[in-house]
Amino acid sequence: MSNITASMVASLREVTGLGMMDCKKALVEANGDLKKAEEIIRIKSGAKAGKMAGRIAAEGVVIAQMDSTNQHGVLVEINCETDFVAKDDSFIAFANLIASTILITHPKTVEELQNTKLSSGKSLEEERREIVAKLGENIMLRRFELINTNGHIATYLHGKKIGVMIDIEGGDNELGRDLAMHIAASKPICVSKENVSQDKIEAERNIYIQQASQSGKPADIVTKMVDGRINKYLAEITLLGQPFVKNPDITVEKLLSTKNAKVNSFVMFVVGEGMGKKVVDFAAEVAAASIIN
């Protein structure tokens, strides 16, 4: 297919980690559809999805704030262009102002928050424009999450780049912080397997079926292989199924049982995650171009 470009090959290579030739072949087979090409590669090679999808792509900070009851909290991500500005006192103060404003006013959207009037009489958006003019960089409020609970909230910040906020019932403050730290390290996507969408499970199952079918084993063995891989997959991506980082001999589910505690929900922000800041690899582009030509 003549319209497979060097940048398409490089993009697929970035996602899957495979060589340029394998990526080009997959794109040709998929008629240029990047998502389909990634699926083809996963079926043929067993490569994991989104190998590079979560890498940090922009600068900024994650801020966590709670009220005095530890039952109301906010996690917020504010972005800027350079790490230098991310460490600036004015930028940090503005980020904390955003978090405290959210905690007080409970806006439902970023747009609503931007129009919120502050004690100075200015809107938050007007304050943002002033600090942009002062620091000379674009500054953006990207996202926030409010948690209100009848249990209690725990947080963990890894520097200012990764933030976790967890809604937990039972246990103590140490357990809450340990679990928030675990989430930052192990990056589950949800609390339990019941929270995983059926579409996501079936997409994985389809890939596992096609991979297992290539083994030449009988259908009943293939079914068992696929069921085993689905169970392993669900344990890997759910908080309750993961081995606890401070004691890998037990799962988080077992830990919570021994503490008579329950996790209702959690949120994790990684600065710049998924923003897709382009990193140009000229060597890879040249290599891709030579393959295509």
Protein backbone atom coordinates (compact mmCIF):
# COMPACT_ATOMS: atom_id res chain seq x y z
CA MET A 1 0.00 0.00 0.00
CA SER A 2 1.60 3.22 -1.21
CA ASN A 3 0.13 5.63 1.35
CA ILE A 4 1.90 4.08 4.37
CA THR A 5 4.09 6.94 5.59
CA ALA A 6 7.25 7.01 7.66
CA SER A 7 5.44 8.81 10.48
CA MET A 8 2.73 6.11 10.59
CA VAL A 9 5.38 3.40 10.91
CA ALA A 10 7.21 5.38 13.59
CA SER A 11 3.95 5.93 15.53
CA LEU A 12 3.13 2.21 15.50
CA ARG A 13 6.68 1.37 16.55
CA GLU A 14 6.39 3.80 19.48
CA VAL A 15 3.18 2.14 20.67
CA THR A 16 4.25 -1.49 20.28
CA GLY A 17 8.04 -1.39 20.67
CA LEU A 18 8.48 -3.64 17.61
CA GLY A 19 10.82 -3.15 14.67
CA MET A 20 10.10 -0.92 11.69
CA MET A 21 9.66 -3.80 9.24
CA ASP A 22 7.09 -5.57 11.46
CA CYS A 23 5.21 -2.31 11.88
CA LYS A 24 5.21 -1.61 8.16
CA LYS A 25 3.89 -5.09 7.36
CA ALA A 26 1.12 -4.72 9.94
CA LEU A 27 0.09 -1.33 8.52
CA VAL A 28 -0.01 -2.73 5.00
CA GLU A 29 -2.17 -5.64 6.19
CA ALA A 30 -4.45 -3.20 8.03
CA ASN A 31 -4.70 -0.87 5.03
CA GLY A 32 -3.19 1.96 7.05
CA ASP A 33 -5.49 1.65 10.07
CA LEU A 34 -3.18 2.23 13.07
CA LYS A 35 -5.54 0.67 15.63
CA LYS A 36 -6.07 -2.42 13.48
CA ALA A 37 -2.34 -2.67 12.82
CA GLU A 38 -1.63 -2.63 16.58
CA GLU A 39 -4.17 -5.43 17.05
CA ILE A 40 -2.53 -7.47 14.27
CA ILE A 41 0.87 -7.06 15.93
CA ARG A 42 -0.50 -8.06 19.32
CA ILE A 43 -2.10 -11.21 17.84
CA LYS A 44 1.09 -12.23 16.04
CA SER A 45 3.69 -11.27 18.63
CA GLY A 46 1.92 -11.08 21.99
CA ALA A 47 3.02 -7.46 22.41
CA LYS A 48 1.16 -5.62 25.18
CA ALA A 49 -1.20 -2.83 24.24
CA GLY A 50 -0.20 0.81 24.62
CA LYS A 51 3.42 0.19 25.59
CA MET A 52 4.19 3.89 25.46
CA ALA A 53 0.70 5.31 25.71
CA GLY A 54 1.09 6.57 29.28
CA ARG A 55 4.47 8.27 29.07
CA ILE A 56 4.76 11.79 30.45
CA ALA A 57 4.30 14.30 27.61
CA ALA A 58 4.05 17.73 29.31
CA GLU A 59 5.20 19.58 32.41
CA GLY A 60 3.26 20.77 35.41
CA VAL A 61 2.10 19.55 38.81
CA VAL A 62 -0.54 17.43 40.51
CA ILE A 63 -2.02 18.96 43.66
CA ALA A 64 -4.09 17.16 46.32
CA GLN A 65 -6.13 18.97 48.97
CA MET A 66 -8.63 17.76 51.59
CA ASP A 67 -10.84 19.47 54.12
CA SER A 68 -10.43 19.03 57.88
CA THR A 69 -12.80 16.04 57.98
CA ASN A 70 -10.84 14.04 55.38
CA GLN A 71 -14.19 13.34 53.71
CA HIS A 72 -13.96 15.89 50.92
CA GLY A 73 -10.93 16.11 48.66
CA VAL A 74 -9.75 17.22 45.24
CA LEU A 75 -6.99 16.05 42.91
CA VAL A 76 -6.04 18.48 40.17
CA GLU A 77 -3.51 18.67 37.34
CA ILE A 78 -2.16 22.00 36.13
CA ASN A 79 0.19 22.09 33.13
CA CYS A 80 2.91 24.39 31.88
CA GLU A 81 5.56 24.15 29.19
CA THR A 82 8.80 23.58 31.12
CA ASP A 83 9.94 21.93 34.32
CA PHE A 84 11.57 25.23 35.27
CA VAL A 85 8.19 26.97 35.48
CA ALA A 86 6.63 23.91 37.16
CA LYS A 87 8.98 24.60 40.10
CA ASP A 88 8.33 28.35 40.21
CA ASP A 89 6.78 29.59 43.46
CA SER A 90 4.19 31.68 41.61
CA PHE A 91 3.09 28.69 39.54
CA ILE A 92 2.86 26.46 42.64
CA ALA A 93 0.84 29.12 44.46
CA PHE A 94 -1.55 29.39 41.52
CA ALA A 95 -1.95 25.60 41.41
CA ASN A 96 -2.81 25.53 45.10
CA LEU A 97 -5.28 28.38 44.59
CA ILE A 98 -7.02 26.31 41.93
CA ALA A 99 -7.24 23.28 44.23
CA SER A 100 -8.62 25.27 47.18
CA THR A 101 -11.15 27.01 44.93
CA ILE A 102 -12.41 23.66 43.68
CA LEU A 103 -12.66 22.33 47.22
CA ILE A 104 -14.77 25.32 48.28
CA THR A 105 -16.99 25.85 45.21
CA HIS A 106 -17.39 22.26 43.89
CA PRO A 107 -17.55 23.12 40.17
CA LYS A 108 -18.69 20.38 37.80
CA THR A 109 -16.48 21.27 34.82
CA VAL A 110 -13.22 23.03 34.01
CA GLU A 111 -15.21 25.72 32.18
CA GLU A 112 -17.34 26.38 35.24
CA LEU A 113 -14.22 26.61 37.38
CA GLN A 114 -12.58 29.09 35.01
CA ASN A 115 -15.52 31.46 35.45
CA THR A 116 -15.49 31.20 39.25
CA LYS A 117 -15.04 34.57 40.97
CA LEU A 118 -12.27 34.77 43.58
CA SER A 119 -12.05 36.97 46.66
CA SER A 120 -9.97 39.40 44.59
CA GLY A 121 -13.00 39.98 42.36
CA LYS A 122 -11.25 38.42 39.38
CA SER A 123 -12.25 35.17 37.77
CA LEU A 124 -9.89 32.22 37.91
CA GLU A 125 -9.40 32.59 34.16
CA GLU A 126 -8.30 36.21 34.63
CA GLU A 127 -5.81 35.05 37.27
CA ARG A 128 -4.53 32.42 34.84
CA ARG A 129 -3.95 35.00 32.13
CA GLU A 130 -2.02 37.20 34.53
CA ILE A 131 0.35 34.42 35.55
CA VAL A 132 0.79 33.44 31.90
CA ALA A 133 1.91 37.01 31.21
CA LYS A 134 4.20 36.96 34.24
CA LEU A 135 5.91 33.62 33.58
CA GLY A 136 5.87 33.72 29.78
CA GLU A 137 4.48 30.21 29.31
CA ASN A 138 1.13 28.75 28.48
CA ILE A 139 -0.50 27.49 31.69
CA MET A 140 -3.50 25.21 31.55
CA LEU A 141 -5.87 23.67 34.06
CA ARG A 142 -6.23 20.24 32.52
CA ARG A 143 -8.47 18.20 34.84
CA PHE A 144 -9.68 17.69 38.37
CA GLU A 145 -11.59 15.11 40.40
CA LEU A 146 -13.66 15.80 43.50
CA ILE A 147 -14.26 13.02 46.02
CA ASN A 148 -16.94 13.20 48.70
CA THR A 149 -17.29 10.20 50.97
CA ASN A 150 -18.82 8.91 54.19
CA GLY A 151 -15.56 7.02 54.78
CA HIS A 152 -12.24 8.82 54.63
CA ILE A 153 -9.81 10.03 51.98
CA ALA A 154 -6.12 9.23 51.72
CA THR A 155 -3.59 10.68 49.29
CA TYR A 156 -0.11 10.04 48.00
CA LEU A 157 2.02 12.40 45.91
CA HIS A 158 5.16 11.15 44.22
CA GLY A 159 6.96 14.46 44.01
CA LYS A 160 4.50 16.65 42.14
CA LYS A 161 4.26 14.48 39.02
CA ILE A 162 2.03 11.63 40.21
CA GLY A 163 -0.94 12.03 42.52
CA VAL A 164 -3.39 9.49 43.94
CA MET A 165 -6.54 10.06 45.97
CA ILE A 166 -8.43 7.12 47.41
CA ASP A 167 -11.88 6.79 49.02
CA ILE A 168 -11.70 4.10 51.70
CA GLU A 169 -13.94 2.81 54.47
CA GLY A 170 -12.41 1.25 57.58
CA GLY A 171 -8.72 0.83 58.28
CA ASP A 172 -6.51 3.67 59.44
CA ASN A 173 -4.53 6.52 57.89
CA GLU A 174 -1.47 4.32 57.38
CA LEU A 175 -3.48 1.78 55.39
CA GLY A 176 -4.96 4.53 53.23
CA ARG A 177 -1.57 6.01 52.43
CA ASP A 178 -0.08 2.56 51.76
CA LEU A 179 -2.85 1.80 49.30
CA ALA A 180 -2.50 5.18 47.58
CA MET A 181 1.24 4.52 47.26
CA HIS A 182 0.50 1.05 45.88
CA ILE A 183 -1.77 2.57 43.22
CA ALA A 184 0.95 5.03 42.18
CA ALA A 185 3.42 2.16 41.81
CA SER A 186 1.21 -0.56 40.28
CA LYS A 187 -1.22 1.61 38.30
CA PRO A 188 -4.46 -0.41 38.40
CA ILE A 189 -7.21 0.94 36.15
CA CYS A 190 -10.11 0.25 38.54
CA VAL A 191 -10.94 -1.24 41.94
CA SER A 192 -12.27 -4.69 41.00
CA LYS A 193 -12.98 -6.94 38.03
CA GLU A 194 -16.65 -5.97 38.25
CA ASN A 195 -15.60 -2.45 37.21
CA VAL A 196 -13.95 -3.63 33.97
CA SER A 197 -16.20 -3.10 30.97
CA GLN A 198 -17.34 -6.18 29.07
CA ASP A 199 -16.15 -4.60 25.84
CA LYS A 200 -12.62 -4.36 27.21
CA ILE A 201 -12.67 -7.97 28.39
CA GLU A 202 -14.04 -9.25 25.07
CA ALA A 203 -11.41 -7.29 23.13
CA GLU A 204 -8.66 -8.96 25.17
CA ARG A 205 -10.38 -12.35 24.89
CA ASN A 206 -10.50 -12.06 21.10
CA ILE A 207 -6.77 -11.43 20.95
CA TYR A 208 -6.00 -14.30 23.34
CA ILE A 209 -8.22 -16.67 21.33
CA GLN A 210 -6.38 -15.88 18.13
CA GLN A 211 -3.01 -16.22 19.81
CA ALA A 212 -3.93 -19.53 21.47
CA SER A 213 -5.47 -20.91 18.28
CA GLN A 214 -2.10 -20.63 16.58
CA SER A 215 -0.70 -23.13 19.11
CA GLY A 216 -2.47 -26.02 17.36
CA LYS A 217 -3.92 -27.30 20.64
CA PRO A 218 -7.46 -28.78 20.88
CA ALA A 219 -10.38 -26.37 21.30
CA ASP A 220 -11.03 -27.31 24.95
CA ILE A 221 -7.39 -26.64 25.83
CA VAL A 222 -7.53 -23.33 23.95
CA THR A 223 -10.61 -22.35 25.99
CA LYS A 224 -8.80 -23.11 29.25
CA MET A 225 -5.73 -21.18 28.10
CA VAL A 226 -7.85 -18.15 27.22
CA ASP A 227 -9.80 -18.26 30.49
CA GLY A 228 -6.52 -18.43 32.41
CA ARG A 229 -5.11 -15.44 30.57
CA ILE A 230 -8.29 -13.41 31.13
CA ASN A 231 -8.13 -14.13 34.86
CA LYS A 232 -4.46 -13.11 34.92
CA TYR A 233 -5.26 -9.95 32.95
CA LEU A 234 -8.03 -8.96 35.38
CA ALA A 235 -5.73 -9.53 38.36
CA GLU A 236 -3.07 -7.33 36.77
CA ILE A 237 -5.31 -4.34 36.04
CA THR A 238 -7.52 -4.29 39.15
CA LEU A 239 -6.51 -2.98 42.55
CA LEU A 240 -8.01 -5.92 44.46
CA GLY A 241 -6.30 -8.49 42.27
CA GLN A 242 -2.77 -7.05 42.47
CA PRO A 243 -0.09 -8.28 44.90
CA PHE A 244 0.35 -5.62 47.58
CA VAL A 245 3.60 -3.77 46.92
CA LYS A 246 4.75 -3.87 50.55
CA ASN A 247 3.97 -7.59 50.87
CA PRO A 248 3.66 -9.35 47.49
CA ASP A 249 2.66 -12.60 49.22
CA ILE A 250 -0.87 -11.23 49.65
CA THR A 251 -3.24 -9.43 47.31
CA VAL A 252 -4.73 -6.03 48.08
CA GLU A 253 -8.10 -7.79 48.45
CA LYS A 254 -6.65 -10.02 51.18
CA LEU A 255 -5.01 -7.04 52.89
CA LEU A 256 -8.31 -5.16 53.00
CA SER A 257 -10.06 -8.24 54.39
CA THR A 258 -7.60 -8.48 57.29
CA LYS A 259 -8.14 -4.78 58.06
CA ASN A 260 -11.94 -4.95 57.69
CA ALA A 261 -11.68 -2.16 55.11
CA LYS A 262 -13.12 -1.40 51.68
CA VAL A 263 -11.96 0.78 48.81
CA ASN A 264 -14.85 2.59 47.14
CA SER A 265 -12.91 4.38 44.42
CA PHE A 266 -9.62 6.04 43.54
CA VAL A 267 -8.24 8.50 41.05
CA MET A 268 -4.66 8.84 39.80
CA PHE A 269 -3.21 11.66 37.73
CA VAL A 270 0.20 11.58 36.04
CA VAL A 271 1.41 14.93 34.74
CA GLY A 272 1.05 15.06 30.97
CA GLU A 273 -0.29 11.52 30.69
CA GLY A 274 -1.78 10.82 27.27
CA MET A 275 -1.24 14.35 25.97
CA GLY A 276 0.85 13.07 23.09
CA LYS A 277 3.61 15.64 23.02
CA LYS A 278 5.54 14.79 19.89
CA VAL A 279 9.11 13.61 20.34
CA VAL A 280 10.89 13.58 17.02
CA ASP A 281 13.28 10.68 16.51
CA PHE A 282 15.05 11.64 13.29
CA ALA A 283 16.99 8.36 13.15
CA ALA A 284 13.75 6.41 13.32
CA GLU A 285 12.18 8.61 10.66
CA VAL A 286 15.09 8.02 8.32
CA ALA A 287 14.99 4.29 8.99
CA ALA A 288 11.25 4.19 8.36
CA ALA A 289 11.61 6.15 5.16
CA SER A 290 14.27 3.77 3.84
CA ILE A 291 12.04 0.78 4.62
CA ILE A 292 9.03 2.28 2.87
CA ASN A 293 10.98 3.38 -0.15
